Amino acid sequence: MKRNPSSSGLVYSTDAGRMCPDCRRPAADCVCKQSRALPKSDGVVRVSRSTKGRGGKTVTLVNGLALDALALAQLGKQLKAACGSGGTAKDGVIEVQGDHCELVMQALQKQGYVVKRAGG
């Protein structure tokens, strides 16, 4: 099988340091991360509780935020601090460990978001 010469596995260069695997530019000059569109949202943030795939552990999920990855992580950090628990922000969803739906909803409403409770 022939390999495509444009798909070299270059991830580090001694001249420029770490390279972006998508646009092949130095990480500091990467243009592919800037051009990615924000997730679409209807303007309503939905807060729900879930236990699926977590061994019975409950997490609070926050969906519907039209934020980039950096802003989503920052908001997730604020929500986790408000609830006093851990969690993560990935794939456009903020997960807060534990059942903190009411606290999360209050914190988001204080920041000016339109919030609805989703699920049961």
N, C-alpha and C. Protein backbone atom coordinates (compact mmCIF):
# COMPACT_ATOMS: atom_id res chain seq x y z
N MET A 1 0.82 -1.18 0.00
CA MET A 1 0.00 0.00 0.00
C MET A 1 0.87 1.25 0.00
N LYS A 2 0.55 2.18 -0.85
CA LYS A 2 1.31 3.43 -0.89
C LYS A 2 0.73 4.42 0.10
N ARG A 3 1.60 5.20 0.69
CA ARG A 3 1.17 6.25 1.60
C ARG A 3 1.13 7.56 0.87
N ASN A 4 0.21 8.37 1.23
CA ASN A 4 0.09 9.70 0.66
C ASN A 4 1.20 10.59 1.25
N PRO A 5 2.04 11.21 0.44
CA PRO A 5 3.14 12.00 0.99
C PRO A 5 2.66 13.21 1.80
N SER A 6 1.45 13.69 1.55
CA SER A 6 0.96 14.85 2.30
C SER A 6 0.49 14.46 3.69
N SER A 7 0.35 13.16 3.96
CA SER A 7 -0.13 12.74 5.27
C SER A 7 1.02 12.22 6.13
N SER A 8 2.13 12.92 6.10
CA SER A 8 3.25 12.52 6.94
C SER A 8 2.88 12.72 8.40
N GLY A 9 3.46 11.97 9.27
CA GLY A 9 3.11 12.01 10.68
C GLY A 9 3.88 13.05 11.46
N LEU A 10 4.27 14.15 10.85
CA LEU A 10 5.06 15.17 11.51
C LEU A 10 4.27 15.84 12.63
N VAL A 11 4.75 15.72 13.85
CA VAL A 11 4.10 16.38 14.98
C VAL A 11 5.05 17.33 15.70
N TYR A 12 6.34 17.28 15.36
CA TYR A 12 7.30 18.16 16.01
C TYR A 12 8.41 18.50 15.03
N SER A 13 8.80 19.73 15.01
CA SER A 13 9.89 20.18 14.16
C SER A 13 10.90 20.91 15.02
N THR A 14 12.18 20.69 14.76
CA THR A 14 13.20 21.37 15.56
C THR A 14 13.22 22.86 15.26
N ASP A 15 12.72 23.27 14.09
CA ASP A 15 12.68 24.69 13.76
C ASP A 15 11.53 25.41 14.46
N ALA A 16 10.33 24.81 14.42
CA ALA A 16 9.14 25.52 14.89
C ALA A 16 8.53 24.92 16.14
N GLY A 17 8.99 23.78 16.60
CA GLY A 17 8.41 23.16 17.79
C GLY A 17 7.23 22.29 17.41
N ARG A 18 6.22 22.23 18.26
CA ARG A 18 5.05 21.37 18.04
C ARG A 18 4.26 21.84 16.83
N MET A 19 3.87 20.87 16.00
CA MET A 19 3.15 21.15 14.75
C MET A 19 1.71 20.66 14.87
N CYS A 20 0.80 21.37 14.22
CA CYS A 20 -0.59 20.95 14.16
C CYS A 20 -0.72 19.83 13.14
N PRO A 21 -1.34 18.70 13.50
CA PRO A 21 -1.44 17.59 12.55
C PRO A 21 -2.42 17.85 11.40
N ASP A 22 -3.32 18.81 11.55
CA ASP A 22 -4.32 19.08 10.52
C ASP A 22 -3.82 20.04 9.46
N CYS A 23 -3.31 21.20 9.88
CA CYS A 23 -2.91 22.21 8.89
C CYS A 23 -1.40 22.25 8.66
N ARG A 24 -0.62 21.44 9.40
CA ARG A 24 0.83 21.34 9.23
C ARG A 24 1.57 22.65 9.48
N ARG A 25 1.03 23.48 10.33
CA ARG A 25 1.70 24.72 10.72
C ARG A 25 2.13 24.59 12.17
N PRO A 26 3.04 25.47 12.62
CA PRO A 26 3.39 25.46 14.04
C PRO A 26 2.14 25.68 14.91
N ALA A 27 2.11 25.07 16.07
CA ALA A 27 0.92 25.13 16.93
C ALA A 27 0.52 26.56 17.25
N ALA A 28 1.48 27.46 17.39
CA ALA A 28 1.16 28.85 17.69
C ALA A 28 0.49 29.56 16.51
N ASP A 29 0.76 29.11 15.28
CA ASP A 29 0.21 29.73 14.08
C ASP A 29 -0.92 28.90 13.46
N CYS A 30 -1.46 27.96 14.20
CA CYS A 30 -2.49 27.05 13.67
C CYS A 30 -3.74 27.83 13.26
N VAL A 31 -4.21 27.58 12.04
CA VAL A 31 -5.41 28.26 11.55
C VAL A 31 -6.62 27.34 11.57
N CYS A 32 -6.44 26.05 11.66
CA CYS A 32 -7.58 25.14 11.61
C CYS A 32 -8.42 25.22 12.89
N LYS A 33 -7.80 25.49 14.02
CA LYS A 33 -8.55 25.60 15.28
C LYS A 33 -9.41 26.86 15.28
N GLN A 34 -8.95 27.92 14.65
CA GLN A 34 -9.70 29.18 14.62
C GLN A 34 -10.87 29.10 13.66
N SER A 35 -10.75 28.31 12.60
CA SER A 35 -11.78 28.29 11.59
C SER A 35 -12.93 27.34 11.92
N ARG A 36 -12.82 26.55 12.97
CA ARG A 36 -13.90 25.63 13.32
C ARG A 36 -15.10 26.42 13.82
N ALA A 37 -16.25 26.04 13.33
CA ALA A 37 -17.48 26.74 13.68
C ALA A 37 -17.93 26.37 15.09
N LEU A 38 -18.61 27.31 15.72
CA LEU A 38 -19.17 27.04 17.03
C LEU A 38 -20.36 26.10 16.88
N PRO A 39 -20.64 25.30 17.89
CA PRO A 39 -21.80 24.43 17.79
C PRO A 39 -23.08 25.25 17.72
N LYS A 40 -24.05 24.75 16.96
CA LYS A 40 -25.31 25.47 16.82
C LYS A 40 -26.13 25.33 18.08
N SER A 41 -26.83 26.40 18.42
CA SER A 41 -27.64 26.41 19.62
C SER A 41 -28.91 27.20 19.36
N ASP A 42 -29.98 26.83 20.04
CA ASP A 42 -31.22 27.57 19.91
C ASP A 42 -31.36 28.65 20.97
N GLY A 43 -30.30 28.86 21.75
CA GLY A 43 -30.31 29.92 22.76
C GLY A 43 -30.77 29.45 24.12
N VAL A 44 -31.14 28.19 24.24
CA VAL A 44 -31.61 27.65 25.51
C VAL A 44 -30.60 26.63 26.01
N VAL A 45 -30.16 26.79 27.25
CA VAL A 45 -29.24 25.86 27.87
C VAL A 45 -30.07 24.82 28.62
N ARG A 46 -29.80 23.56 28.37
CA ARG A 46 -30.56 22.48 28.99
C ARG A 46 -29.71 21.76 30.02
N VAL A 47 -30.27 21.62 31.21
CA VAL A 47 -29.59 20.96 32.32
C VAL A 47 -30.34 19.67 32.63
N SER A 48 -29.62 18.56 32.66
CA SER A 48 -30.25 17.28 32.94
C SER A 48 -29.37 16.45 33.86
N ARG A 49 -29.95 15.35 34.35
CA ARG A 49 -29.25 14.43 35.24
C ARG A 49 -29.14 13.09 34.52
N SER A 50 -27.99 12.43 34.61
CA SER A 50 -27.79 11.17 33.91
C SER A 50 -26.96 10.22 34.76
N THR A 51 -27.22 8.92 34.57
CA THR A 51 -26.42 7.88 35.22
C THR A 51 -25.93 6.85 34.22
N LYS A 52 -26.31 6.97 32.96
CA LYS A 52 -26.00 5.95 31.96
C LYS A 52 -24.50 5.86 31.69
N GLY A 53 -23.98 4.65 31.72
CA GLY A 53 -22.59 4.40 31.38
C GLY A 53 -21.61 4.86 32.43
N ARG A 54 -22.08 5.09 33.65
CA ARG A 54 -21.19 5.60 34.70
C ARG A 54 -21.22 4.73 35.95
N GLY A 55 -21.65 3.50 35.80
CA GLY A 55 -21.67 2.60 36.95
C GLY A 55 -22.62 3.02 38.04
N GLY A 56 -23.72 3.67 37.69
CA GLY A 56 -24.70 4.11 38.68
C GLY A 56 -24.41 5.46 39.29
N LYS A 57 -23.30 6.06 38.96
CA LYS A 57 -22.96 7.39 39.48
C LYS A 57 -23.77 8.45 38.75
N THR A 58 -24.22 9.44 39.46
CA THR A 58 -25.03 10.51 38.89
C THR A 58 -24.15 11.68 38.48
N VAL A 59 -24.42 12.23 37.30
CA VAL A 59 -23.76 13.45 36.84
C VAL A 59 -24.82 14.42 36.33
N THR A 60 -24.52 15.70 36.42
CA THR A 60 -25.37 16.75 35.88
C THR A 60 -24.79 17.17 34.54
N LEU A 61 -25.60 17.14 33.49
CA LEU A 61 -25.15 17.49 32.14
C LEU A 61 -25.70 18.85 31.75
N VAL A 62 -24.85 19.67 31.14
CA VAL A 62 -25.25 20.99 30.64
C VAL A 62 -25.03 20.98 29.13
N ASN A 63 -26.12 21.09 28.35
CA ASN A 63 -26.08 21.07 26.89
C ASN A 63 -26.60 22.38 26.34
N GLY A 64 -26.26 22.65 25.08
CA GLY A 64 -26.84 23.79 24.38
C GLY A 64 -26.06 25.08 24.50
N LEU A 65 -24.83 25.01 24.94
CA LEU A 65 -24.00 26.21 25.04
C LEU A 65 -23.24 26.41 23.74
N ALA A 66 -23.40 27.55 23.11
CA ALA A 66 -22.69 27.85 21.87
C ALA A 66 -21.38 28.56 22.21
N LEU A 67 -20.44 27.80 22.78
CA LEU A 67 -19.15 28.33 23.19
C LEU A 67 -18.04 27.50 22.57
N ASP A 68 -16.88 28.13 22.37
CA ASP A 68 -15.73 27.37 21.89
C ASP A 68 -15.18 26.54 23.05
N ALA A 69 -14.21 25.70 22.77
CA ALA A 69 -13.70 24.76 23.76
C ALA A 69 -13.09 25.46 24.98
N LEU A 70 -12.39 26.56 24.75
CA LEU A 70 -11.75 27.27 25.86
C LEU A 70 -12.79 27.92 26.77
N ALA A 71 -13.78 28.58 26.20
CA ALA A 71 -14.83 29.22 26.99
C ALA A 71 -15.68 28.17 27.70
N LEU A 72 -15.90 27.03 27.05
CA LEU A 72 -16.68 25.95 27.67
C LEU A 72 -15.94 25.40 28.89
N ALA A 73 -14.63 25.23 28.77
CA ALA A 73 -13.83 24.74 29.89
C ALA A 73 -13.85 25.75 31.04
N GLN A 74 -13.80 27.03 30.73
CA GLN A 74 -13.82 28.07 31.78
C GLN A 74 -15.16 28.08 32.50
N LEU A 75 -16.26 28.00 31.75
CA LEU A 75 -17.58 27.95 32.37
C LEU A 75 -17.74 26.68 33.19
N GLY A 76 -17.23 25.57 32.68
CA GLY A 76 -17.27 24.32 33.44
C GLY A 76 -16.53 24.43 34.76
N LYS A 77 -15.41 25.11 34.75
CA LYS A 77 -14.63 25.31 35.98
C LYS A 77 -15.43 26.12 36.99
N GLN A 78 -16.13 27.16 36.51
CA GLN A 78 -16.95 27.99 37.40
C GLN A 78 -18.11 27.18 37.98
N LEU A 79 -18.76 26.36 37.16
CA LEU A 79 -19.88 25.56 37.63
C LEU A 79 -19.43 24.51 38.64
N LYS A 80 -18.28 23.88 38.38
CA LYS A 80 -17.76 22.88 39.31
C LYS A 80 -17.42 23.52 40.65
N ALA A 81 -16.87 24.73 40.62
CA ALA A 81 -16.54 25.42 41.86
C ALA A 81 -17.80 25.81 42.62
N ALA A 82 -18.84 26.21 41.90
CA ALA A 82 -20.09 26.59 42.55
C ALA A 82 -20.74 25.39 43.23
N CYS A 83 -20.57 24.21 42.64
CA CYS A 83 -21.17 22.99 43.20
C CYS A 83 -20.24 22.30 44.19
N GLY A 84 -18.98 22.63 44.18
CA GLY A 84 -18.02 21.99 45.07
C GLY A 84 -17.75 20.55 44.68
N SER A 85 -17.70 20.28 43.38
CA SER A 85 -17.45 18.92 42.93
C SER A 85 -16.60 18.94 41.67
N GLY A 86 -16.27 17.75 41.18
CA GLY A 86 -15.45 17.62 39.99
C GLY A 86 -16.31 17.51 38.75
N GLY A 87 -15.65 17.29 37.64
CA GLY A 87 -16.37 17.13 36.38
C GLY A 87 -15.45 17.40 35.21
N THR A 88 -16.06 17.56 34.03
CA THR A 88 -15.30 17.78 32.82
C THR A 88 -16.14 18.58 31.82
N ALA A 89 -15.46 19.12 30.81
CA ALA A 89 -16.12 19.81 29.72
C ALA A 89 -15.55 19.25 28.43
N LYS A 90 -16.37 18.53 27.67
CA LYS A 90 -15.88 17.94 26.43
C LYS A 90 -17.04 17.77 25.45
N ASP A 91 -16.73 17.86 24.17
CA ASP A 91 -17.70 17.66 23.10
C ASP A 91 -18.93 18.56 23.23
N GLY A 92 -18.74 19.77 23.71
CA GLY A 92 -19.85 20.72 23.81
C GLY A 92 -20.76 20.48 25.00
N VAL A 93 -20.39 19.59 25.91
CA VAL A 93 -21.21 19.25 27.07
C VAL A 93 -20.37 19.43 28.33
N ILE A 94 -20.96 20.04 29.35
CA ILE A 94 -20.30 20.15 30.65
C ILE A 94 -20.90 19.08 31.55
N GLU A 95 -20.05 18.27 32.17
CA GLU A 95 -20.48 17.25 33.12
C GLU A 95 -19.99 17.66 34.51
N VAL A 96 -20.92 17.72 35.47
CA VAL A 96 -20.59 18.02 36.85
C VAL A 96 -20.96 16.79 37.67
N GLN A 97 -20.02 16.28 38.44
CA GLN A 97 -20.26 15.06 39.22
C GLN A 97 -21.29 15.32 40.30
N GLY A 98 -22.28 14.44 40.38
CA GLY A 98 -23.32 14.55 41.40
C GLY A 98 -24.58 15.18 40.84
N ASP A 99 -25.64 15.16 41.65
CA ASP A 99 -26.93 15.73 41.26
C ASP A 99 -26.99 17.18 41.73
N HIS A 100 -26.56 18.11 40.86
CA HIS A 100 -26.50 19.52 41.20
C HIS A 100 -27.32 20.36 40.21
N CYS A 101 -28.43 19.82 39.73
CA CYS A 101 -29.21 20.52 38.69
C CYS A 101 -29.65 21.90 39.14
N GLU A 102 -30.17 22.02 40.35
CA GLU A 102 -30.68 23.31 40.83
C GLU A 102 -29.55 24.33 40.98
N LEU A 103 -28.42 23.91 41.54
CA LEU A 103 -27.29 24.83 41.71
C LEU A 103 -26.75 25.30 40.36
N VAL A 104 -26.65 24.38 39.40
CA VAL A 104 -26.14 24.71 38.08
C VAL A 104 -27.10 25.68 37.38
N MET A 105 -28.40 25.41 37.51
CA MET A 105 -29.39 26.29 36.87
C MET A 105 -29.32 27.70 37.45
N GLN A 106 -29.19 27.81 38.76
CA GLN A 106 -29.10 29.13 39.39
C GLN A 106 -27.84 29.86 38.95
N ALA A 107 -26.72 29.14 38.90
CA ALA A 107 -25.45 29.77 38.50
C ALA A 107 -25.51 30.26 37.06
N LEU A 108 -26.13 29.48 36.17
CA LEU A 108 -26.24 29.89 34.77
C LEU A 108 -27.21 31.06 34.60
N GLN A 109 -28.30 31.08 35.36
CA GLN A 109 -29.25 32.19 35.28
C GLN A 109 -28.62 33.49 35.76
N LYS A 110 -27.75 33.42 36.77
CA LYS A 110 -27.04 34.61 37.24
C LYS A 110 -26.13 35.18 36.16
N GLN A 111 -25.63 34.31 35.27
CA GLN A 111 -24.75 34.77 34.19
C GLN A 111 -25.53 35.19 32.96
N GLY A 112 -26.87 35.13 33.01
CA GLY A 112 -27.69 35.63 31.92
C GLY A 112 -28.12 34.63 30.89
N TYR A 113 -27.94 33.33 31.15
CA TYR A 113 -28.37 32.30 30.21
C TYR A 113 -29.84 31.98 30.43
N VAL A 114 -30.53 31.57 29.37
CA VAL A 114 -31.89 31.05 29.46
C VAL A 114 -31.75 29.56 29.71
N VAL A 115 -32.24 29.10 30.86
CA VAL A 115 -31.99 27.73 31.30
C VAL A 115 -33.31 26.98 31.46
N LYS A 116 -33.31 25.73 30.99
CA LYS A 116 -34.45 24.84 31.16
C LYS A 116 -33.97 23.52 31.73
N ARG A 117 -34.81 22.89 32.52
CA ARG A 117 -34.52 21.57 33.06
C ARG A 117 -34.96 20.54 32.02
N ALA A 118 -34.09 19.65 31.64
CA ALA A 118 -34.40 18.62 30.65
C ALA A 118 -34.42 17.26 31.33
N GLY A 119 -35.22 16.36 30.81
CA GLY A 119 -35.27 15.02 31.37
C GLY A 119 -36.19 14.95 32.59
N GLY A 120 -36.03 13.89 33.36
CA GLY A 120 -36.94 13.63 34.47
C GLY A 120 -36.57 14.24 35.73
